[in-house]
Amino acid sequence: MSITIRRATAADCPRLLELIQELAVYEKAPQEVTVSLQHFTESGFGTQPVWWAFVAEEEKVIHGFALYYIRYSTWKGQCLYLEDILVTEKMRGKGIGAQLFERILEEAKEKKLVRVVWQVLEWNEPAIGFYKKYNATLDPEWINGAIEIKVAP
């Protein structure tokens, strides 16, 4: 198996959305993925991109991805926020997640960002175990907040 980690391109967006849907199914929330392909692609590859990603590819098939954006902390400054990392179910356990995560850490260093942050569901023991291998701090104290805004099309 020869996995290549590379930057995502606009042409990868349909496959990335498939993988995002797979992640949503795994996280027991498939109905929550409502972003359109057009909006997703424009948000990553338009005139003002707000996200970037790396893909794990073997023989032109994308088996995983890590999508991030830059977040600002008033306490720490700019940091890399890892929005999603996923390896397809059939390819898990082959070190692909580690390759993607290590590329994310490298990206943060290259950009001189002081932290990498993310969220993980409290029941996702495989992911929690994965992050603990990197000596990550997992903070159960914070509660997530969100408000859905209705925007006219």
N, C-alpha and C. Protein backbone atom coordinates (compact mmCIF):
# COMPACT_ATOMS: atom_id res chain seq x y z
N MET A 1 0.85 -1.18 0.00
CA MET A 1 0.00 0.00 0.00
C MET A 1 0.89 1.23 0.00
N SER A 2 0.61 2.13 -0.93
CA SER A 2 1.39 3.35 -1.05
C SER A 2 0.45 4.55 -0.99
N ILE A 3 0.31 5.11 0.20
CA ILE A 3 -0.58 6.25 0.42
C ILE A 3 0.21 7.54 0.21
N THR A 4 -0.38 8.45 -0.52
CA THR A 4 0.20 9.78 -0.70
C THR A 4 -0.68 10.78 0.04
N ILE A 5 -0.05 11.65 0.81
CA ILE A 5 -0.76 12.75 1.46
C ILE A 5 -0.48 13.99 0.64
N ARG A 6 -1.54 14.63 0.16
CA ARG A 6 -1.38 15.84 -0.66
C ARG A 6 -2.46 16.84 -0.31
N ARG A 7 -2.25 18.07 -0.74
CA ARG A 7 -3.26 19.11 -0.54
C ARG A 7 -4.49 18.80 -1.39
N ALA A 8 -5.64 19.04 -0.84
CA ALA A 8 -6.89 18.85 -1.60
C ALA A 8 -6.99 19.90 -2.69
N THR A 9 -7.70 19.55 -3.76
CA THR A 9 -7.99 20.47 -4.85
C THR A 9 -9.51 20.57 -5.00
N ALA A 10 -9.94 21.53 -5.78
CA ALA A 10 -11.39 21.70 -6.02
C ALA A 10 -11.99 20.43 -6.62
N ALA A 11 -11.23 19.73 -7.44
CA ALA A 11 -11.73 18.51 -8.07
C ALA A 11 -12.00 17.40 -7.05
N ASP A 12 -11.41 17.51 -5.87
CA ASP A 12 -11.62 16.51 -4.81
C ASP A 12 -12.92 16.73 -4.04
N CYS A 13 -13.55 17.86 -4.19
CA CYS A 13 -14.70 18.22 -3.35
C CYS A 13 -15.85 17.21 -3.39
N PRO A 14 -16.24 16.67 -4.54
CA PRO A 14 -17.31 15.66 -4.50
C PRO A 14 -16.96 14.46 -3.61
N ARG A 15 -15.72 13.98 -3.72
CA ARG A 15 -15.29 12.84 -2.90
C ARG A 15 -15.22 13.25 -1.42
N LEU A 16 -14.74 14.47 -1.14
CA LEU A 16 -14.69 14.92 0.25
C LEU A 16 -16.08 14.96 0.86
N LEU A 17 -17.06 15.42 0.10
CA LEU A 17 -18.42 15.43 0.63
C LEU A 17 -18.95 14.02 0.88
N GLU A 18 -18.57 13.07 0.04
CA GLU A 18 -18.95 11.67 0.30
C GLU A 18 -18.37 11.21 1.64
N LEU A 19 -17.11 11.55 1.87
CA LEU A 19 -16.45 11.15 3.11
C LEU A 19 -17.03 11.88 4.31
N ILE A 20 -17.41 13.14 4.13
CA ILE A 20 -18.05 13.90 5.20
C ILE A 20 -19.38 13.23 5.57
N GLN A 21 -20.11 12.77 4.57
CA GLN A 21 -21.36 12.06 4.84
C GLN A 21 -21.08 10.75 5.58
N GLU A 22 -20.02 10.05 5.19
CA GLU A 22 -19.64 8.82 5.90
C GLU A 22 -19.32 9.13 7.37
N LEU A 23 -18.62 10.23 7.61
CA LEU A 23 -18.32 10.64 8.97
C LEU A 23 -19.60 10.95 9.75
N ALA A 24 -20.52 11.64 9.11
CA ALA A 24 -21.79 11.98 9.77
C ALA A 24 -22.57 10.72 10.13
N VAL A 25 -22.55 9.72 9.28
CA VAL A 25 -23.22 8.45 9.58
C VAL A 25 -22.54 7.81 10.80
N TYR A 26 -21.20 7.79 10.81
CA TYR A 26 -20.46 7.23 11.93
C TYR A 26 -20.79 7.96 13.23
N GLU A 27 -20.96 9.28 13.13
CA GLU A 27 -21.26 10.09 14.32
C GLU A 27 -22.75 10.15 14.63
N LYS A 28 -23.52 9.32 13.95
CA LYS A 28 -24.96 9.17 14.19
C LYS A 28 -25.75 10.44 13.92
N ALA A 29 -25.33 11.18 12.89
CA ALA A 29 -26.02 12.44 12.54
C ALA A 29 -26.02 12.67 11.03
N PRO A 30 -26.42 11.68 10.22
CA PRO A 30 -26.34 11.84 8.77
C PRO A 30 -27.18 12.98 8.23
N GLN A 31 -28.27 13.31 8.89
CA GLN A 31 -29.17 14.37 8.44
C GLN A 31 -28.57 15.76 8.65
N GLU A 32 -27.49 15.86 9.41
CA GLU A 32 -26.90 17.16 9.72
C GLU A 32 -26.05 17.73 8.58
N VAL A 33 -25.66 16.91 7.62
CA VAL A 33 -24.85 17.41 6.49
C VAL A 33 -25.81 18.04 5.49
N THR A 34 -25.81 19.38 5.45
CA THR A 34 -26.72 20.10 4.56
C THR A 34 -25.99 21.01 3.58
N VAL A 35 -24.67 21.08 3.67
CA VAL A 35 -23.91 21.96 2.78
C VAL A 35 -24.00 21.45 1.33
N SER A 36 -24.13 22.37 0.39
CA SER A 36 -24.16 21.99 -1.02
C SER A 36 -22.74 21.86 -1.55
N LEU A 37 -22.59 21.10 -2.62
CA LEU A 37 -21.28 20.96 -3.26
C LEU A 37 -20.76 22.32 -3.71
N GLN A 38 -21.62 23.13 -4.26
CA GLN A 38 -21.21 24.46 -4.73
C GLN A 38 -20.68 25.31 -3.57
N HIS A 39 -21.42 25.36 -2.47
CA HIS A 39 -20.99 26.16 -1.32
C HIS A 39 -19.69 25.60 -0.73
N PHE A 40 -19.62 24.29 -0.61
CA PHE A 40 -18.43 23.63 -0.07
C PHE A 40 -17.20 23.96 -0.91
N THR A 41 -17.34 23.82 -2.23
CA THR A 41 -16.22 24.08 -3.14
C THR A 41 -15.82 25.55 -3.10
N GLU A 42 -16.79 26.44 -3.16
CA GLU A 42 -16.51 27.88 -3.11
C GLU A 42 -15.82 28.25 -1.80
N SER A 43 -16.22 27.64 -0.71
CA SER A 43 -15.65 27.96 0.60
C SER A 43 -14.19 27.51 0.72
N GLY A 44 -13.81 26.51 -0.04
CA GLY A 44 -12.43 26.03 0.00
C GLY A 44 -11.56 26.53 -1.13
N PHE A 45 -12.18 26.87 -2.26
CA PHE A 45 -11.37 27.18 -3.44
C PHE A 45 -11.82 28.43 -4.18
N GLY A 46 -12.70 29.20 -3.57
CA GLY A 46 -13.15 30.45 -4.18
C GLY A 46 -12.12 31.56 -3.97
N THR A 47 -12.57 32.79 -4.13
CA THR A 47 -11.65 33.93 -4.02
C THR A 47 -11.19 34.19 -2.59
N GLN A 48 -11.98 33.74 -1.61
CA GLN A 48 -11.60 33.90 -0.20
C GLN A 48 -11.81 32.60 0.56
N PRO A 49 -10.91 31.63 0.35
CA PRO A 49 -11.10 30.33 1.00
C PRO A 49 -11.09 30.46 2.53
N VAL A 50 -11.93 29.66 3.17
CA VAL A 50 -11.98 29.65 4.63
C VAL A 50 -11.56 28.29 5.20
N TRP A 51 -11.35 27.30 4.35
CA TRP A 51 -10.86 26.01 4.81
C TRP A 51 -9.84 25.46 3.83
N TRP A 52 -9.01 24.56 4.34
CA TRP A 52 -8.01 23.87 3.55
C TRP A 52 -8.02 22.41 3.98
N ALA A 53 -7.47 21.54 3.16
CA ALA A 53 -7.51 20.12 3.52
C ALA A 53 -6.34 19.37 2.90
N PHE A 54 -6.05 18.25 3.51
CA PHE A 54 -5.12 17.27 2.96
C PHE A 54 -5.92 16.00 2.71
N VAL A 55 -5.56 15.28 1.66
CA VAL A 55 -6.21 14.01 1.36
C VAL A 55 -5.17 12.89 1.39
N ALA A 56 -5.64 11.71 1.73
CA ALA A 56 -4.83 10.49 1.69
C ALA A 56 -5.31 9.69 0.48
N GLU A 57 -4.40 9.49 -0.45
CA GLU A 57 -4.78 8.91 -1.74
C GLU A 57 -3.89 7.72 -2.08
N GLU A 58 -4.52 6.73 -2.67
CA GLU A 58 -3.81 5.57 -3.19
C GLU A 58 -4.38 5.26 -4.57
N GLU A 59 -3.53 5.27 -5.57
CA GLU A 59 -3.95 4.99 -6.95
C GLU A 59 -5.18 5.82 -7.35
N LYS A 60 -5.12 7.12 -7.06
CA LYS A 60 -6.15 8.10 -7.42
C LYS A 60 -7.48 7.91 -6.69
N VAL A 61 -7.48 7.12 -5.63
CA VAL A 61 -8.67 6.95 -4.80
C VAL A 61 -8.39 7.60 -3.45
N ILE A 62 -9.25 8.53 -3.04
CA ILE A 62 -9.10 9.21 -1.76
C ILE A 62 -9.73 8.34 -0.67
N HIS A 63 -8.90 7.96 0.30
CA HIS A 63 -9.35 7.09 1.39
C HIS A 63 -9.52 7.85 2.71
N GLY A 64 -9.11 9.11 2.73
CA GLY A 64 -9.23 9.88 3.96
C GLY A 64 -8.89 11.33 3.72
N PHE A 65 -9.20 12.14 4.71
CA PHE A 65 -8.90 13.57 4.60
C PHE A 65 -8.80 14.18 5.98
N ALA A 66 -8.17 15.34 6.03
CA ALA A 66 -8.12 16.18 7.23
C ALA A 66 -8.39 17.60 6.76
N LEU A 67 -9.46 18.20 7.26
CA LEU A 67 -9.88 19.54 6.85
C LEU A 67 -9.71 20.49 8.03
N TYR A 68 -9.11 21.66 7.77
CA TYR A 68 -8.84 22.60 8.84
C TYR A 68 -9.10 24.04 8.41
N TYR A 69 -9.12 24.91 9.39
CA TYR A 69 -9.16 26.35 9.16
C TYR A 69 -8.37 27.03 10.26
N ILE A 70 -8.11 28.31 10.10
CA ILE A 70 -7.38 29.07 11.10
C ILE A 70 -8.39 29.72 12.04
N ARG A 71 -8.18 29.53 13.30
CA ARG A 71 -9.05 30.06 14.35
C ARG A 71 -8.23 31.01 15.22
N TYR A 72 -8.90 31.96 15.82
CA TYR A 72 -8.19 32.90 16.67
C TYR A 72 -8.62 32.73 18.12
N SER A 73 -7.65 32.62 18.99
CA SER A 73 -7.89 32.56 20.42
C SER A 73 -7.38 33.85 21.04
N THR A 74 -8.23 34.53 21.79
CA THR A 74 -7.79 35.77 22.44
C THR A 74 -6.72 35.48 23.50
N TRP A 75 -6.63 34.24 23.95
CA TRP A 75 -5.62 33.88 24.94
C TRP A 75 -4.32 33.41 24.31
N LYS A 76 -4.41 32.74 23.14
CA LYS A 76 -3.23 32.09 22.56
C LYS A 76 -2.82 32.63 21.20
N GLY A 77 -3.70 33.36 20.52
CA GLY A 77 -3.40 33.82 19.16
C GLY A 77 -3.95 32.85 18.13
N GLN A 78 -3.39 32.89 16.95
CA GLN A 78 -3.88 32.02 15.87
C GLN A 78 -3.55 30.56 16.16
N CYS A 79 -4.50 29.70 15.83
CA CYS A 79 -4.28 28.27 15.95
C CYS A 79 -4.96 27.56 14.78
N LEU A 80 -4.52 26.36 14.54
CA LEU A 80 -5.11 25.54 13.48
C LEU A 80 -6.24 24.74 14.11
N TYR A 81 -7.43 24.88 13.54
CA TYR A 81 -8.58 24.12 14.03
C TYR A 81 -8.84 22.96 13.06
N LEU A 82 -8.68 21.76 13.56
CA LEU A 82 -8.94 20.56 12.78
C LEU A 82 -10.43 20.27 12.83
N GLU A 83 -11.13 20.61 11.77
CA GLU A 83 -12.59 20.44 11.73
C GLU A 83 -12.97 18.97 11.62
N ASP A 84 -12.35 18.27 10.70
CA ASP A 84 -12.66 16.86 10.50
C ASP A 84 -11.41 16.11 10.06
N ILE A 85 -11.30 14.90 10.56
CA ILE A 85 -10.30 13.95 10.06
C ILE A 85 -11.03 12.61 9.94
N LEU A 86 -10.88 11.98 8.81
CA LEU A 86 -11.59 10.72 8.58
C LEU A 86 -10.77 9.82 7.67
N VAL A 87 -10.76 8.56 8.00
CA VAL A 87 -10.24 7.51 7.12
C VAL A 87 -11.40 6.55 6.91
N THR A 88 -11.62 6.15 5.67
CA THR A 88 -12.73 5.25 5.38
C THR A 88 -12.63 4.00 6.24
N GLU A 89 -13.78 3.44 6.55
CA GLU A 89 -13.83 2.30 7.45
C GLU A 89 -12.92 1.15 7.01
N LYS A 90 -12.92 0.85 5.72
CA LYS A 90 -12.13 -0.29 5.24
C LYS A 90 -10.62 -0.04 5.28
N MET A 91 -10.22 1.23 5.40
CA MET A 91 -8.80 1.55 5.40
C MET A 91 -8.26 1.91 6.78
N ARG A 92 -9.11 1.85 7.80
CA ARG A 92 -8.65 2.17 9.16
C ARG A 92 -7.68 1.12 9.67
N GLY A 93 -6.81 1.54 10.56
CA GLY A 93 -5.85 0.63 11.16
C GLY A 93 -4.59 0.44 10.33
N LYS A 94 -4.40 1.26 9.30
CA LYS A 94 -3.24 1.12 8.42
C LYS A 94 -2.28 2.31 8.55
N GLY A 95 -2.51 3.16 9.54
CA GLY A 95 -1.62 4.29 9.77
C GLY A 95 -1.94 5.54 8.96
N ILE A 96 -3.04 5.51 8.22
CA ILE A 96 -3.40 6.65 7.38
C ILE A 96 -3.81 7.85 8.23
N GLY A 97 -4.57 7.60 9.28
CA GLY A 97 -4.97 8.68 10.18
C GLY A 97 -3.75 9.36 10.78
N ALA A 98 -2.77 8.58 11.18
CA ALA A 98 -1.53 9.14 11.74
C ALA A 98 -0.81 9.99 10.70
N GLN A 99 -0.77 9.54 9.46
CA GLN A 99 -0.12 10.32 8.40
C GLN A 99 -0.84 11.66 8.21
N LEU A 100 -2.15 11.63 8.19
CA LEU A 100 -2.92 12.87 8.03
C LEU A 100 -2.72 13.79 9.23
N PHE A 101 -2.79 13.24 10.43
CA PHE A 101 -2.66 14.06 11.64
C PHE A 101 -1.26 14.66 11.72
N GLU A 102 -0.25 13.88 11.40
CA GLU A 102 1.12 14.40 11.43
C GLU A 102 1.32 15.49 10.37
N ARG A 103 0.63 15.37 9.24
CA ARG A 103 0.71 16.44 8.23
C ARG A 103 0.04 17.71 8.74
N ILE A 104 -1.03 17.56 9.50
CA ILE A 104 -1.70 18.71 10.12
C ILE A 104 -0.75 19.39 11.11
N LEU A 105 -0.08 18.60 11.95
CA LEU A 105 0.87 19.16 12.91
C LEU A 105 2.00 19.88 12.19
N GLU A 106 2.47 19.31 11.11
CA GLU A 106 3.52 19.93 10.29
C GLU A 106 3.03 21.26 9.70
N GLU A 107 1.79 21.27 9.22
CA GLU A 107 1.21 22.48 8.66
C GLU A 107 1.17 23.60 9.71
N ALA A 108 0.78 23.26 10.92
CA ALA A 108 0.74 24.25 12.00
C ALA A 108 2.14 24.81 12.26
N LYS A 109 3.13 23.95 12.28
CA LYS A 109 4.51 24.41 12.49
C LYS A 109 4.96 25.32 11.35
N GLU A 110 4.65 24.92 10.12
CA GLU A 110 5.03 25.73 8.95
C GLU A 110 4.39 27.12 9.01
N LYS A 111 3.18 27.19 9.50
CA LYS A 111 2.46 28.47 9.59
C LYS A 111 2.75 29.21 10.90
N LYS A 112 3.63 28.63 11.72
CA LYS A 112 4.00 29.22 13.01
C LYS A 112 2.80 29.44 13.92
N LEU A 113 1.89 28.49 13.90
CA LEU A 113 0.71 28.52 14.76
C LEU A 113 1.05 27.83 16.07
N VAL A 114 0.54 28.34 17.15
CA VAL A 114 0.96 27.87 18.47
C VAL A 114 0.20 26.65 18.97
N ARG A 115 -0.94 26.33 18.34
CA ARG A 115 -1.73 25.19 18.80
C ARG A 115 -2.50 24.57 17.65
N VAL A 116 -2.83 23.31 17.84
CA VAL A 116 -3.80 22.61 17.00
C VAL A 116 -4.92 22.20 17.95
N VAL A 117 -6.16 22.53 17.59
CA VAL A 117 -7.30 22.20 18.43
C VAL A 117 -8.36 21.49 17.60
N TRP A 118 -9.21 20.72 18.29
CA TRP A 118 -10.28 19.98 17.63
C TRP A 118 -11.27 19.55 18.68
N GLN A 119 -12.34 18.91 18.24
CA GLN A 119 -13.33 18.32 19.13
C GLN A 119 -13.41 16.83 18.82
N VAL A 120 -13.77 16.08 19.82
CA VAL A 120 -13.99 14.65 19.63
C VAL A 120 -15.19 14.27 20.50
N LEU A 121 -16.06 13.46 19.96
CA LEU A 121 -17.23 13.01 20.72
C LEU A 121 -16.80 12.14 21.89
N GLU A 122 -17.46 12.34 23.03
CA GLU A 122 -17.05 11.64 24.25
C GLU A 122 -17.17 10.12 24.14
N TRP A 123 -18.01 9.61 23.25
CA TRP A 123 -18.17 8.17 23.10
C TRP A 123 -17.23 7.57 22.06
N ASN A 124 -16.48 8.40 21.35
CA ASN A 124 -15.62 7.91 20.27
C ASN A 124 -14.28 7.45 20.82
N GLU A 125 -14.31 6.31 21.48
CA GLU A 125 -13.11 5.78 22.13
C GLU A 125 -11.93 5.55 21.18
N PRO A 126 -12.16 5.04 19.95
CA PRO A 126 -11.00 4.88 19.06
C PRO A 126 -10.30 6.21 18.78
N ALA A 127 -11.08 7.28 18.55
CA ALA A 127 -10.47 8.60 18.29
C ALA A 127 -9.77 9.13 19.54
N ILE A 128 -10.41 8.98 20.69
CA ILE A 128 -9.79 9.44 21.93
C ILE A 128 -8.47 8.72 22.17
N GLY A 129 -8.45 7.43 21.96
CA GLY A 129 -7.22 6.66 22.10
C GLY A 129 -6.15 7.12 21.12
N PHE A 130 -6.56 7.42 19.89
CA PHE A 130 -5.64 7.93 18.87
C PHE A 130 -4.99 9.22 19.34
N TYR A 131 -5.79 10.18 19.81
CA TYR A 131 -5.25 11.48 20.23
C TYR A 131 -4.38 11.35 21.48
N LYS A 132 -4.71 10.43 22.35
CA LYS A 132 -3.90 10.24 23.55
C LYS A 132 -2.49 9.77 23.20
N LYS A 133 -2.34 9.05 22.10
CA LYS A 133 -1.01 8.63 21.65
C LYS A 133 -0.10 9.83 21.37
N TYR A 134 -0.72 10.96 21.08
CA TYR A 134 0.03 12.19 20.80
C TYR A 134 0.14 13.08 22.05
N ASN A 135 -0.25 12.53 23.20
CA ASN A 135 -0.24 13.29 24.46
C ASN A 135 -1.12 14.53 24.38
N ALA A 136 -2.21 14.43 23.67
CA ALA A 136 -3.16 15.54 23.54
C ALA A 136 -3.89 15.76 24.86
N THR A 137 -4.22 17.00 25.11
CA THR A 137 -5.06 17.35 26.25
C THR A 137 -6.51 17.31 25.80
N LEU A 138 -7.33 16.53 26.47
CA LEU A 138 -8.76 16.44 26.15
C LEU A 138 -9.51 17.04 27.33
N ASP A 139 -10.23 18.12 27.07
CA ASP A 139 -10.85 18.91 28.12
C ASP A 139 -12.36 18.69 28.15
N PRO A 140 -12.88 17.96 29.14
CA PRO A 140 -14.33 17.71 29.21
C PRO A 140 -15.12 18.88 29.82
N GLU A 141 -14.44 19.94 30.23
CA GLU A 141 -15.09 21.03 30.95
C GLU A 141 -15.96 21.92 30.07
N TRP A 142 -15.56 22.13 28.82
CA TRP A 142 -16.26 23.08 27.95
C TRP A 142 -17.49 22.45 27.32
N ILE A 143 -18.55 23.22 27.21
CA ILE A 143 -19.79 22.79 26.56
C ILE A 143 -19.88 23.53 25.23
N ASN A 144 -20.20 22.80 24.17
CA ASN A 144 -20.33 23.42 22.85
C ASN A 144 -21.63 24.20 22.76
N GLY A 145 -21.58 25.31 22.10
CA GLY A 145 -22.79 26.11 21.86
C GLY A 145 -22.93 26.40 20.38
N ALA A 146 -24.16 26.50 19.91
CA ALA A 146 -24.42 26.82 18.50
C ALA A 146 -25.83 27.37 18.36
N ILE A 147 -26.00 28.23 17.40
CA ILE A 147 -27.32 28.74 17.03
C ILE A 147 -27.41 28.65 15.51
N GLU A 148 -28.46 28.03 15.02
CA GLU A 148 -28.69 27.94 13.58
C GLU A 148 -29.30 29.25 13.12
N ILE A 149 -28.74 29.82 12.06
CA ILE A 149 -29.23 31.07 11.48
C ILE A 149 -29.90 30.75 10.16
N LYS A 150 -31.12 31.22 9.98
CA LYS A 150 -31.84 31.03 8.71
C LYS A 150 -31.41 32.13 7.76
N VAL A 151 -30.81 31.73 6.64
CA VAL A 151 -30.32 32.67 5.64
C VAL A 151 -31.11 32.46 4.35
N ALA A 152 -31.56 33.55 3.77
CA ALA A 152 -32.30 33.45 2.51
C ALA A 152 -31.35 32.97 1.42
N PRO A 153 -31.83 32.12 0.51
CA PRO A 153 -30.96 31.59 -0.56
C PRO A 153 -30.49 32.68 -1.52
